[in-house]
């Protein structure tokens, strides 16, 4: 009887991609924790890689260094805690809400969900930029511009649904929403004053209702 000869195992690219994705997730998780604990300047790629169980080369290859890590963490924070990205759920709410007040309540809940994830990273970027880091200063401008663009999108949706009060223009509404979702407001009320996230979200809903709706 002829014995079967075992050839080389077939290359499993999907398994390798899965492992790489798990490693990237581990890097982002450890980088977030380290950045928030030590600050941007005091955190090193070597320490981040060691904590995530990967090589520094893996981090550089996938994220390009600390600024790329912060950008990836910031973008991930905007997804929220649900299976569907928060922006998609926000768009759905804006197109289906029966009343303006009901929509403001939903936007307040989205803010309460996103802010604990996003605000600490935005504050990290702000502080690093204030400390003279040019990459973080550029990233701060980028994320602020993107956030204001998002608020313009939301304001246009409100106007299209007829939810804005007379005299409240789209740009004015966007500026108000931009200010209400600023990380500094979260810093003041939640981090410094100790408000629960739910109370913060309710405050945002009440403020938006009072300033934007008829």
C-alpha atoms as a PDB file:
ATOM      1  CA  UNK A   1       0.000   0.000   0.000  1.00  0.00           C
ATOM      2  CA  UNK A   2       1.322   3.391  -0.945  1.00  0.00           C
ATOM      3  CA  UNK A   3       1.388   5.860   1.918  1.00  0.00           C
ATOM      4  CA  UNK A   4      -0.105   9.236   1.316  1.00  0.00           C
ATOM      5  CA  UNK A   5       2.440  11.984   1.238  1.00  0.00           C
ATOM      6  CA  UNK A   6       1.460  15.074   3.186  1.00  0.00           C
ATOM      7  CA  UNK A   7       2.124  18.175   1.152  1.00  0.00           C
ATOM      8  CA  UNK A   8       2.420  21.694   2.475  1.00  0.00           C
ATOM      9  CA  UNK A   9      -0.644  23.103   4.186  1.00  0.00           C
ATOM     10  CA  UNK A  10      -2.730  25.345   1.959  1.00  0.00           C
ATOM     11  CA  UNK A  11      -2.227  29.051   2.581  1.00  0.00           C
ATOM     12  CA  UNK A  12      -5.166  30.391   4.580  1.00  0.00           C
ATOM     13  CA  UNK A  13      -5.289  34.085   3.770  1.00  0.00           C
ATOM     14  CA  UNK A  14      -8.588  34.653   5.580  1.00  0.00           C
ATOM     15  CA  UNK A  15      -7.138  33.281   8.815  1.00  0.00           C
ATOM     16  CA  UNK A  16      -4.116  35.516   8.480  1.00  0.00           C
ATOM     17  CA  UNK A  17      -6.283  38.567   7.830  1.00  0.00           C
ATOM     18  CA  UNK A  18      -8.382  37.730  10.873  1.00  0.00           C
ATOM     19  CA  UNK A  19      -5.300  37.494  13.078  1.00  0.00           C
ATOM     20  CA  UNK A  20      -3.976  40.775  11.709  1.00  0.00           C
ATOM     21  CA  UNK A  21      -7.293  42.485  12.411  1.00  0.00           C
ATOM     22  CA  UNK A  22      -7.307  41.151  15.970  1.00  0.00           C
ATOM     23  CA  UNK A  23      -3.785  42.485  16.399  1.00  0.00           C
ATOM     24  CA  UNK A  24      -4.797  45.904  15.062  1.00  0.00           C
ATOM     25  CA  UNK A  25      -7.726  45.988  17.470  1.00  0.00           C
ATOM     26  CA  UNK A  26      -5.406  45.098  20.341  1.00  0.00           C
ATOM     27  CA  UNK A  27      -3.003  47.860  19.327  1.00  0.00           C
ATOM     28  CA  UNK A  28      -5.781  50.456  19.233  1.00  0.00           C
ATOM     29  CA  UNK A  29      -7.149  49.366  22.594  1.00  0.00           C
ATOM     30  CA  UNK A  30      -3.784  49.478  24.316  1.00  0.00           C
ATOM     31  CA  UNK A  31      -2.793  52.716  22.588  1.00  0.00           C
ATOM     32  CA  UNK A  32      -6.010  54.398  23.729  1.00  0.00           C
ATOM     33  CA  UNK A  33      -5.461  53.322  27.331  1.00  0.00           C
ATOM     34  CA  UNK A  34      -1.818  54.400  27.305  1.00  0.00           C
ATOM     35  CA  UNK A  35      -2.484  57.762  25.640  1.00  0.00           C
ATOM     36  CA  UNK A  36      -5.202  58.606  28.157  1.00  0.00           C
ATOM     37  CA  UNK A  37      -3.049  57.482  31.074  1.00  0.00           C
ATOM     38  CA  UNK A  38       0.273  59.078  30.097  1.00  0.00           C
ATOM     39  CA  UNK A  39      -0.581  61.655  27.477  1.00  0.00           C
ATOM     40  CA  UNK A  40       0.448  61.756  23.838  1.00  0.00           C
ATOM     41  CA  UNK A  41       4.063  62.790  24.288  1.00  0.00           C
ATOM     42  CA  UNK A  42       4.936  60.311  27.033  1.00  0.00           C
ATOM     43  CA  UNK A  43       3.468  57.288  25.232  1.00  0.00           C
ATOM     44  CA  UNK A  44       5.881  55.371  23.007  1.00  0.00           C
ATOM     45  CA  UNK A  45       5.323  53.019  20.109  1.00  0.00           C
ATOM     46  CA  UNK A  46       7.541  50.482  21.874  1.00  0.00           C
ATOM     47  CA  UNK A  47       5.314  50.436  24.960  1.00  0.00           C
ATOM     48  CA  UNK A  48       2.149  50.309  22.871  1.00  0.00           C
ATOM     49  CA  UNK A  49       3.470  47.403  20.813  1.00  0.00           C
ATOM     50  CA  UNK A  50       4.649  45.519  23.892  1.00  0.00           C
ATOM     51  CA  UNK A  51       1.287  45.878  25.602  1.00  0.00           C
ATOM     52  CA  UNK A  52      -0.558  44.687  22.490  1.00  0.00           C
ATOM     53  CA  UNK A  53       1.791  41.746  21.936  1.00  0.00           C
ATOM     54  CA  UNK A  54       3.058  42.901  18.551  1.00  0.00           C
ATOM     55  CA  UNK A  55       6.266  44.368  17.186  1.00  0.00           C
ATOM     56  CA  UNK A  56       6.849  48.105  16.790  1.00  0.00           C
ATOM     57  CA  UNK A  57       7.210  47.426  13.065  1.00  0.00           C
ATOM     58  CA  UNK A  58       3.636  46.100  13.008  1.00  0.00           C
ATOM     59  CA  UNK A  59       2.395  49.354  14.520  1.00  0.00           C
ATOM     60  CA  UNK A  60       4.330  51.518  12.063  1.00  0.00           C
ATOM     61  CA  UNK A  61       3.229  49.394   9.101  1.00  0.00           C
ATOM     62  CA  UNK A  62      -0.461  49.538  10.022  1.00  0.00           C
ATOM     63  CA  UNK A  63      -0.786  53.011  11.527  1.00  0.00           C
ATOM     64  CA  UNK A  64       2.310  54.980  10.539  1.00  0.00           C
ATOM     65  CA  UNK A  65       3.209  56.097  14.050  1.00  0.00           C
ATOM     66  CA  UNK A  66       1.505  57.870  16.928  1.00  0.00           C
ATOM     67  CA  UNK A  67      -0.464  60.459  14.913  1.00  0.00           C
ATOM     68  CA  UNK A  68      -1.925  57.679  12.775  1.00  0.00           C
ATOM     69  CA  UNK A  69      -2.846  55.737  15.893  1.00  0.00           C
ATOM     70  CA  UNK A  70      -4.679  58.709  17.369  1.00  0.00           C
ATOM     71  CA  UNK A  71      -6.533  59.294  14.099  1.00  0.00           C
ATOM     72  CA  UNK A  72      -7.619  55.635  13.972  1.00  0.00           C
ATOM     73  CA  UNK A  73      -8.741  55.709  17.616  1.00  0.00           C
ATOM     74  CA  UNK A  74     -10.702  58.904  17.017  1.00  0.00           C
ATOM     75  CA  UNK A  75     -12.434  57.467  13.965  1.00  0.00           C
ATOM     76  CA  UNK A  76     -13.300  54.263  15.819  1.00  0.00           C
ATOM     77  CA  UNK A  77     -14.835  56.275  18.654  1.00  0.00           C
ATOM     78  CA  UNK A  78     -17.412  57.723  16.246  1.00  0.00           C
ATOM     79  CA  UNK A  79     -18.877  54.292  15.590  1.00  0.00           C
ATOM     80  CA  UNK A  80     -20.466  54.199  19.029  1.00  0.00           C
ATOM     81  CA  UNK A  81     -21.263  51.071  20.955  1.00  0.00           C
ATOM     82  CA  UNK A  82     -23.919  49.641  18.645  1.00  0.00           C
ATOM     83  CA  UNK A  83     -23.490  47.268  15.735  1.00  0.00           C
ATOM     84  CA  UNK A  84     -24.475  50.006  13.281  1.00  0.00           C
ATOM     85  CA  UNK A  85     -22.320  53.150  13.148  1.00  0.00           C
ATOM     86  CA  UNK A  86     -23.849  55.971  15.162  1.00  0.00           C
ATOM     87  CA  UNK A  87     -23.874  58.336  12.171  1.00  0.00           C
ATOM     88  CA  UNK A  88     -26.056  55.906  10.217  1.00  0.00           C
ATOM     89  CA  UNK A  89     -28.441  55.592  13.160  1.00  0.00           C
ATOM     90  CA  UNK A  90     -28.493  59.380  13.477  1.00  0.00           C
ATOM     91  CA  UNK A  91     -29.398  59.763   9.797  1.00  0.00           C
ATOM     92  CA  UNK A  92     -32.173  57.210  10.190  1.00  0.00           C
ATOM     93  CA  UNK A  93     -33.529  59.023  13.231  1.00  0.00           C
ATOM     94  CA  UNK A  94     -33.521  62.345  11.400  1.00  0.00           C
ATOM     95  CA  UNK A  95     -35.461  60.920   8.483  1.00  0.00           C
ATOM     96  CA  UNK A  96     -38.029  59.015  10.549  1.00  0.00           C
ATOM     97  CA  UNK A  97     -38.609  61.041  13.747  1.00  0.00           C
ATOM     98  CA  UNK A  98     -42.232  62.124  14.054  1.00  0.00           C
ATOM     99  CA  UNK A  99     -41.510  65.357  15.934  1.00  0.00           C
ATOM    100  CA  UNK A 100     -38.640  67.741  16.445  1.00  0.00           C
ATOM    101  CA  UNK A 101     -38.650  67.177  20.190  1.00  0.00           C
ATOM    102  CA  UNK A 102     -38.507  63.427  19.679  1.00  0.00           C
ATOM    103  CA  UNK A 103     -35.555  63.855  17.357  1.00  0.00           C
ATOM    104  CA  UNK A 104     -33.726  66.037  19.901  1.00  0.00           C
ATOM    105  CA  UNK A 105     -34.190  63.306  22.496  1.00  0.00           C
ATOM    106  CA  UNK A 106     -32.624  60.787  20.131  1.00  0.00           C
ATOM    107  CA  UNK A 107     -29.734  63.118  19.311  1.00  0.00           C
ATOM    108  CA  UNK A 108     -29.171  63.574  23.036  1.00  0.00           C
ATOM    109  CA  UNK A 109     -28.969  59.814  23.474  1.00  0.00           C
ATOM    110  CA  UNK A 110     -26.500  59.524  20.590  1.00  0.00           C
ATOM    111  CA  UNK A 111     -24.367  62.217  22.219  1.00  0.00           C
ATOM    112  CA  UNK A 112     -24.443  60.347  25.535  1.00  0.00           C
ATOM    113  CA  UNK A 113     -23.272  57.219  23.705  1.00  0.00           C
ATOM    114  CA  UNK A 114     -20.524  58.804  21.602  1.00  0.00           C
ATOM    115  CA  UNK A 115     -19.088  61.436  23.937  1.00  0.00           C
ATOM    116  CA  UNK A 116     -17.525  59.058  26.501  1.00  0.00           C
ATOM    117  CA  UNK A 117     -15.637  57.410  23.634  1.00  0.00           C
ATOM    118  CA  UNK A 118     -14.795  60.434  21.492  1.00  0.00           C
ATOM    119  CA  UNK A 119     -14.391  63.366  23.881  1.00  0.00           C
ATOM    120  CA  UNK A 120     -11.343  62.049  25.799  1.00  0.00           C
ATOM    121  CA  UNK A 121      -9.511  61.484  22.506  1.00  0.00           C
ATOM    122  CA  UNK A 122     -10.454  64.919  21.187  1.00  0.00           C
ATOM    123  CA  UNK A 123      -9.172  66.428  24.429  1.00  0.00           C
ATOM    124  CA  UNK A 124      -5.951  64.447  24.010  1.00  0.00           C
ATOM    125  CA  UNK A 125      -5.545  65.871  20.506  1.00  0.00           C
ATOM    126  CA  UNK A 126      -6.282  69.384  21.770  1.00  0.00           C
ATOM    127  CA  UNK A 127      -3.748  69.156  24.571  1.00  0.00           C
ATOM    128  CA  UNK A 128      -1.033  67.701  22.328  1.00  0.00           C
ATOM    129  CA  UNK A 129      -1.670  70.452  19.782  1.00  0.00           C
ATOM    130  CA  UNK A 130      -1.452  73.088  22.515  1.00  0.00           C
ATOM    131  CA  UNK A 131       1.857  71.550  23.551  1.00  0.00           C
ATOM    132  CA  UNK A 132       3.299  72.319  20.136  1.00  0.00           C
ATOM    133  CA  UNK A 133       2.890  69.025  18.270  1.00  0.00           C
ATOM    134  CA  UNK A 134       2.399  69.997  14.628  1.00  0.00           C
ATOM    135  CA  UNK A 135       0.830  66.674  13.624  1.00  0.00           C
ATOM    136  CA  UNK A 136      -1.745  66.933  16.395  1.00  0.00           C
ATOM    137  CA  UNK A 137      -2.463  70.567  15.512  1.00  0.00           C
ATOM    138  CA  UNK A 138      -3.209  69.492  11.945  1.00  0.00           C
ATOM    139  CA  UNK A 139      -5.356  66.601  13.179  1.00  0.00           C
ATOM    140  CA  UNK A 140      -7.280  68.938  15.491  1.00  0.00           C
ATOM    141  CA  UNK A 141      -8.154  71.174  12.546  1.00  0.00           C
ATOM    142  CA  UNK A 142      -9.152  68.120  10.531  1.00  0.00           C
ATOM    143  CA  UNK A 143     -11.474  66.616  13.135  1.00  0.00           C
ATOM    144  CA  UNK A 144     -13.036  69.980  14.014  1.00  0.00           C
ATOM    145  CA  UNK A 145     -13.776  70.623  10.342  1.00  0.00           C
ATOM    146  CA  UNK A 146     -15.261  67.147   9.936  1.00  0.00           C
ATOM    147  CA  UNK A 147     -17.389  67.582  13.058  1.00  0.00           C
ATOM    148  CA  UNK A 148     -18.734  70.925  11.859  1.00  0.00           C
ATOM    149  CA  UNK A 149     -19.479  69.439   8.426  1.00  0.00           C
ATOM    150  CA  UNK A 150     -21.449  66.718  10.179  1.00  0.00           C
ATOM    151  CA  UNK A 151     -23.427  69.315  12.118  1.00  0.00           C
ATOM    152  CA  UNK A 152     -24.175  71.161   8.864  1.00  0.00           C
ATOM    153  CA  UNK A 153     -25.521  67.891   7.502  1.00  0.00           C
ATOM    154  CA  UNK A 154     -27.703  67.486  10.587  1.00  0.00           C
ATOM    155  CA  UNK A 155     -28.917  71.082  10.376  1.00  0.00           C
ATOM    156  CA  UNK A 156     -29.896  70.680   6.729  1.00  0.00           C
ATOM    157  CA  UNK A 157     -31.889  67.602   7.689  1.00  0.00           C
ATOM    158  CA  UNK A 158     -33.678  69.580  10.402  1.00  0.00           C
ATOM    159  CA  UNK A 159     -34.488  72.340   7.923  1.00  0.00           C
ATOM    160  CA  UNK A 160     -35.738  69.853   5.337  1.00  0.00           C
ATOM    161  CA  UNK A 161     -38.103  68.339   7.919  1.00  0.00           C
ATOM    162  CA  UNK A 162     -39.380  71.784   8.919  1.00  0.00           C
ATOM    163  CA  UNK A 163     -38.127  71.392  12.476  1.00  0.00           C
ATOM    164  CA  UNK A 164     -36.110  74.623  12.793  1.00  0.00           C
ATOM    165  CA  UNK A 165     -37.686  77.623  14.502  1.00  0.00           C
ATOM    166  CA  UNK A 166     -38.382  80.738  12.408  1.00  0.00           C
ATOM    167  CA  UNK A 167     -35.240  82.825  12.153  1.00  0.00           C
ATOM    168  CA  UNK A 168     -32.897  79.918  12.895  1.00  0.00           C
ATOM    169  CA  UNK A 169     -30.782  79.350   9.806  1.00  0.00           C
ATOM    170  CA  UNK A 170     -28.946  76.198   8.854  1.00  0.00           C
ATOM    171  CA  UNK A 171     -25.512  77.634   9.632  1.00  0.00           C
ATOM    172  CA  UNK A 172     -26.663  78.980  13.002  1.00  0.00           C
ATOM    173  CA  UNK A 173     -28.198  75.617  13.898  1.00  0.00           C
ATOM    174  CA  UNK A 174     -25.002  73.833  12.880  1.00  0.00           C
ATOM    175  CA  UNK A 175     -22.924  76.164  15.048  1.00  0.00           C
ATOM    176  CA  UNK A 176     -25.141  75.454  18.062  1.00  0.00           C
ATOM    177  CA  UNK A 177     -24.916  71.692  17.556  1.00  0.00           C
ATOM    178  CA  UNK A 178     -21.162  71.993  17.028  1.00  0.00           C
ATOM    179  CA  UNK A 179     -20.843  73.783  20.368  1.00  0.00           C
ATOM    180  CA  UNK A 180     -23.123  71.352  22.203  1.00  0.00           C
ATOM    181  CA  UNK A 181     -21.051  68.398  21.041  1.00  0.00           C
ATOM    182  CA  UNK A 182     -17.692  70.033  21.782  1.00  0.00           C
ATOM    183  CA  UNK A 183     -15.404  67.908  23.968  1.00  0.00           C
ATOM    184  CA  UNK A 184     -14.908  70.885  26.288  1.00  0.00           C
ATOM    185  CA  UNK A 185     -18.585  70.752  27.306  1.00  0.00           C
ATOM    186  CA  UNK A 186     -18.269  67.052  28.102  1.00  0.00           C
ATOM    187  CA  UNK A 187     -15.077  67.823  30.004  1.00  0.00           C
ATOM    188  CA  UNK A 188     -16.819  70.470  32.117  1.00  0.00           C
ATOM    189  CA  UNK A 189     -20.017  68.620  32.954  1.00  0.00           C
ATOM    190  CA  UNK A 190     -19.036  64.942  32.993  1.00  0.00           C
ATOM    191  CA  UNK A 191     -15.323  64.818  33.790  1.00  0.00           C
ATOM    192  CA  UNK A 192     -15.131  67.806  36.140  1.00  0.00           C
ATOM    193  CA  UNK A 193     -18.654  68.016  37.573  1.00  0.00           C
ATOM    194  CA  UNK A 194     -19.292  64.283  37.613  1.00  0.00           C
ATOM    195  CA  UNK A 195     -22.527  64.197  35.630  1.00  0.00           C
ATOM    196  CA  UNK A 196     -23.628  60.737  34.440  1.00  0.00           C
ATOM    197  CA  UNK A 197     -23.564  60.357  30.662  1.00  0.00           C
ATOM    198  CA  UNK A 198     -27.355  59.965  30.602  1.00  0.00           C
ATOM    199  CA  UNK A 199     -27.819  63.293  32.375  1.00  0.00           C
ATOM    200  CA  UNK A 200     -25.398  64.903  29.953  1.00  0.00           C
ATOM    201  CA  UNK A 201     -27.365  63.539  27.000  1.00  0.00           C
ATOM    202  CA  UNK A 202     -30.624  64.824  28.465  1.00  0.00           C
ATOM    203  CA  UNK A 203     -29.053  68.267  28.906  1.00  0.00           C
ATOM    204  CA  UNK A 204     -27.972  68.276  25.257  1.00  0.00           C
ATOM    205  CA  UNK A 205     -31.493  67.314  24.146  1.00  0.00           C
ATOM    206  CA  UNK A 206     -33.058  70.056  26.273  1.00  0.00           C
ATOM    207  CA  UNK A 207     -30.576  72.673  25.074  1.00  0.00           C
ATOM    208  CA  UNK A 208     -31.025  71.781  21.408  1.00  0.00           C
ATOM    209  CA  UNK A 209     -34.804  71.798  21.768  1.00  0.00           C
ATOM    210  CA  UNK A 210     -34.766  75.227  23.420  1.00  0.00           C
ATOM    211  CA  UNK A 211     -32.455  76.824  20.868  1.00  0.00           C
ATOM    212  CA  UNK A 212     -33.463  75.172  17.601  1.00  0.00           C
ATOM    213  CA  UNK A 213     -37.130  74.207  17.703  1.00  0.00           C
ATOM    214  CA  UNK A 214     -40.223  76.438  17.392  1.00  0.00           C
END
